[in-house]
Amino acid sequence: MMREYEEIHSVEELEHWKQGTQTLIYVSRENCSVCHALLPKVQELMEDYPSVRFGHLSADDVEEAAGQLTIFSIPAILAFSEGRELYREARFIRIDDLDHFLSKWTASSD
């Protein structure tokens, strides 16, 4: 099974998302084959972390939000807690590294 994500459509929505307790945001572009190949793997992994809010931001649709996050390469994955960025991985994203971070992060909030 793959976990569904919520689309982020504006800078205002992004700001709201960043203020959450445990938020993971996946950033991609339409013409990025790596982005499209990686997303299902991230969705599958996120099945194990139901407490983490999971969002998707298209850098094509909301360019100013990608700029605000200072994203220079995609795909990118960022984790936020109450406005603080706690994790960032871009271009070469390793699922096991993300899994390791998520398992420590979610365990520490119990």
C-alpha atoms as a PDB file:
ATOM      1  CA  MET A   1       0.000   0.000   0.000  1.00  0.00           C
ATOM      2  CA  MET A   2       0.992   3.580  -0.569  1.00  0.00           C
ATOM      3  CA  ARG A   3       0.102   6.464   1.655  1.00  0.00           C
ATOM      4  CA  GLU A   4      -1.636   9.414   0.049  1.00  0.00           C
ATOM      5  CA  TYR A   5      -0.142  12.870   0.427  1.00  0.00           C
ATOM      6  CA  GLU A   6      -1.777  16.276   0.575  1.00  0.00           C
ATOM      7  CA  GLU A   7      -0.957  18.846  -2.106  1.00  0.00           C
ATOM      8  CA  ILE A   8       0.471  22.192  -1.008  1.00  0.00           C
ATOM      9  CA  HIS A   9      -0.766  24.916  -3.367  1.00  0.00           C
ATOM     10  CA  SER A  10       0.631  28.190  -2.010  1.00  0.00           C
ATOM     11  CA  VAL A  11       3.293  29.863   0.117  1.00  0.00           C
ATOM     12  CA  GLU A  12       0.622  30.451   2.773  1.00  0.00           C
ATOM     13  CA  GLU A  13      -0.227  26.744   2.886  1.00  0.00           C
ATOM     14  CA  LEU A  14       3.472  25.913   3.104  1.00  0.00           C
ATOM     15  CA  GLU A  15       3.868  28.250   6.091  1.00  0.00           C
ATOM     16  CA  HIS A  16       0.938  26.555   7.809  1.00  0.00           C
ATOM     17  CA  TRP A  17       2.456  23.112   7.130  1.00  0.00           C
ATOM     18  CA  LYS A  18       5.845  24.125   8.536  1.00  0.00           C
ATOM     19  CA  GLN A  19       4.213  24.997  11.873  1.00  0.00           C
ATOM     20  CA  GLY A  20       2.925  21.449  12.412  1.00  0.00           C
ATOM     21  CA  THR A  21       4.413  19.121  15.014  1.00  0.00           C
ATOM     22  CA  GLN A  22       5.701  16.499  12.571  1.00  0.00           C
ATOM     23  CA  THR A  23       5.544  17.370   8.903  1.00  0.00           C
ATOM     24  CA  LEU A  24       7.310  15.827   5.913  1.00  0.00           C
ATOM     25  CA  ILE A  25       7.214  17.634   2.562  1.00  0.00           C
ATOM     26  CA  TYR A  26       8.218  16.061  -0.751  1.00  0.00           C
ATOM     27  CA  VAL A  27       9.198  18.586  -3.442  1.00  0.00           C
ATOM     28  CA  SER A  28       9.275  17.628  -7.119  1.00  0.00           C
ATOM     29  CA  ARG A  29       8.877  18.939 -10.665  1.00  0.00           C
ATOM     30  CA  GLU A  30       6.686  17.621 -13.470  1.00  0.00           C
ATOM     31  CA  ASN A  31       9.526  16.797 -15.896  1.00  0.00           C
ATOM     32  CA  CYS A  32      11.730  15.057 -13.301  1.00  0.00           C
ATOM     33  CA  SER A  33      11.864  11.299 -13.887  1.00  0.00           C
ATOM     34  CA  VAL A  34      13.758  10.714 -10.620  1.00  0.00           C
ATOM     35  CA  CYS A  35      10.996  12.559  -8.734  1.00  0.00           C
ATOM     36  CA  HIS A  36       8.327  10.343 -10.255  1.00  0.00           C
ATOM     37  CA  ALA A  37      10.311   7.156  -9.567  1.00  0.00           C
ATOM     38  CA  LEU A  38      11.059   8.063  -5.947  1.00  0.00           C
ATOM     39  CA  LEU A  39       7.622   9.292  -4.870  1.00  0.00           C
ATOM     40  CA  PRO A  40       5.975   5.820  -4.661  1.00  0.00           C
ATOM     41  CA  LYS A  41       8.895   4.600  -2.518  1.00  0.00           C
ATOM     42  CA  VAL A  42       8.427   7.530  -0.135  1.00  0.00           C
ATOM     43  CA  GLN A  43       4.657   6.932  -0.074  1.00  0.00           C
ATOM     44  CA  GLU A  44       5.258   3.287   0.804  1.00  0.00           C
ATOM     45  CA  LEU A  45       7.664   4.244   3.601  1.00  0.00           C
ATOM     46  CA  MET A  46       5.211   6.817   4.974  1.00  0.00           C
ATOM     47  CA  GLU A  47       2.694   3.996   5.577  1.00  0.00           C
ATOM     48  CA  ASP A  48       4.859   3.168   8.619  1.00  0.00           C
ATOM     49  CA  TYR A  49       4.620   6.715  10.000  1.00  0.00           C
ATOM     50  CA  PRO A  50       0.927   7.643  10.212  1.00  0.00           C
ATOM     51  CA  SER A  51       1.596  10.320  12.847  1.00  0.00           C
ATOM     52  CA  VAL A  52       3.704  12.372  10.411  1.00  0.00           C
ATOM     53  CA  ARG A  53       1.744  14.733   8.171  1.00  0.00           C
ATOM     54  CA  PHE A  54       2.814  14.076   4.575  1.00  0.00           C
ATOM     55  CA  GLY A  55       2.642  16.719   1.876  1.00  0.00           C
ATOM     56  CA  HIS A  56       3.703  17.251  -1.714  1.00  0.00           C
ATOM     57  CA  LEU A  57       4.817  20.520  -3.264  1.00  0.00           C
ATOM     58  CA  SER A  58       5.227  20.914  -7.006  1.00  0.00           C
ATOM     59  CA  ALA A  59       8.073  23.360  -7.613  1.00  0.00           C
ATOM     60  CA  ASP A  60       6.485  24.036 -11.022  1.00  0.00           C
ATOM     61  CA  ASP A  61       3.155  25.092  -9.530  1.00  0.00           C
ATOM     62  CA  VAL A  62       4.434  26.995  -6.486  1.00  0.00           C
ATOM     63  CA  GLU A  63       7.858  28.286  -7.541  1.00  0.00           C
ATOM     64  CA  GLU A  64       7.995  30.969  -4.839  1.00  0.00           C
ATOM     65  CA  ALA A  65       7.521  28.305  -2.146  1.00  0.00           C
ATOM     66  CA  ALA A  66      10.420  26.266  -3.526  1.00  0.00           C
ATOM     67  CA  GLY A  67      12.455  29.481  -3.520  1.00  0.00           C
ATOM     68  CA  GLN A  68      11.468  30.219   0.052  1.00  0.00           C
ATOM     69  CA  LEU A  69      12.710  26.754   1.055  1.00  0.00           C
ATOM     70  CA  THR A  70      15.991  27.399  -0.812  1.00  0.00           C
ATOM     71  CA  ILE A  71      15.693  24.257  -2.865  1.00  0.00           C
ATOM     72  CA  PHE A  72      18.355  24.086  -5.561  1.00  0.00           C
ATOM     73  CA  SER A  73      17.923  20.491  -6.642  1.00  0.00           C
ATOM     74  CA  ILE A  74      15.039  18.102  -6.713  1.00  0.00           C
ATOM     75  CA  PRO A  75      13.593  15.821  -5.619  1.00  0.00           C
ATOM     76  CA  ALA A  76      13.839  17.189  -2.090  1.00  0.00           C
ATOM     77  CA  ILE A  77      12.450  15.982   1.213  1.00  0.00           C
ATOM     78  CA  LEU A  78      12.172  18.283   4.204  1.00  0.00           C
ATOM     79  CA  ALA A  79      10.923  17.623   7.727  1.00  0.00           C
ATOM     80  CA  PHE A  80       9.604  20.368   9.980  1.00  0.00           C
ATOM     81  CA  SER A  81       8.490  20.614  13.555  1.00  0.00           C
ATOM     82  CA  GLU A  82       6.884  23.829  14.792  1.00  0.00           C
ATOM     83  CA  GLY A  83       8.587  25.935  12.118  1.00  0.00           C
ATOM     84  CA  ARG A  84      12.050  24.403  12.500  1.00  0.00           C
ATOM     85  CA  GLU A  85      13.612  22.414   9.690  1.00  0.00           C
ATOM     86  CA  LEU A  86      14.955  19.164  11.144  1.00  0.00           C
ATOM     87  CA  TYR A  87      15.837  17.176   8.037  1.00  0.00           C
ATOM     88  CA  ARG A  88      16.691  17.948   4.426  1.00  0.00           C
ATOM     89  CA  GLU A  89      17.733  15.628   1.657  1.00  0.00           C
ATOM     90  CA  ALA A  90      17.869  16.497  -2.026  1.00  0.00           C
ATOM     91  CA  ARG A  91      18.744  14.951  -5.375  1.00  0.00           C
ATOM     92  CA  PHE A  92      20.202  11.655  -4.103  1.00  0.00           C
ATOM     93  CA  ILE A  93      17.676  10.561  -1.504  1.00  0.00           C
ATOM     94  CA  ARG A  94      18.286   7.291   0.294  1.00  0.00           C
ATOM     95  CA  ILE A  95      15.104   5.688   1.581  1.00  0.00           C
ATOM     96  CA  ASP A  96      16.917   3.883   4.409  1.00  0.00           C
ATOM     97  CA  ASP A  97      18.403   7.183   5.665  1.00  0.00           C
ATOM     98  CA  LEU A  98      14.933   8.733   5.607  1.00  0.00           C
ATOM     99  CA  ASP A  99      13.505   5.696   7.386  1.00  0.00           C
ATOM    100  CA  HIS A 100      16.218   5.944  10.062  1.00  0.00           C
ATOM    101  CA  PHE A 101      15.471   9.641  10.625  1.00  0.00           C
ATOM    102  CA  LEU A 102      11.703   9.057  10.755  1.00  0.00           C
ATOM    103  CA  SER A 103      11.961   6.168  13.200  1.00  0.00           C
ATOM    104  CA  LYS A 104      14.123   8.209  15.610  1.00  0.00           C
ATOM    105  CA  TRP A 105      11.970  11.323  15.142  1.00  0.00           C
ATOM    106  CA  THR A 106       8.646   9.614  15.769  1.00  0.00           C
ATOM    107  CA  ALA A 107      10.011   7.578  18.695  1.00  0.00           C
ATOM    108  CA  SER A 108      11.275  10.742  20.426  1.00  0.00           C
ATOM    109  CA  SER A 109       7.823  12.346  20.302  1.00  0.00           C
ATOM    110  CA  ASP A 110       5.961   9.516  22.026  1.00  0.00           C
END
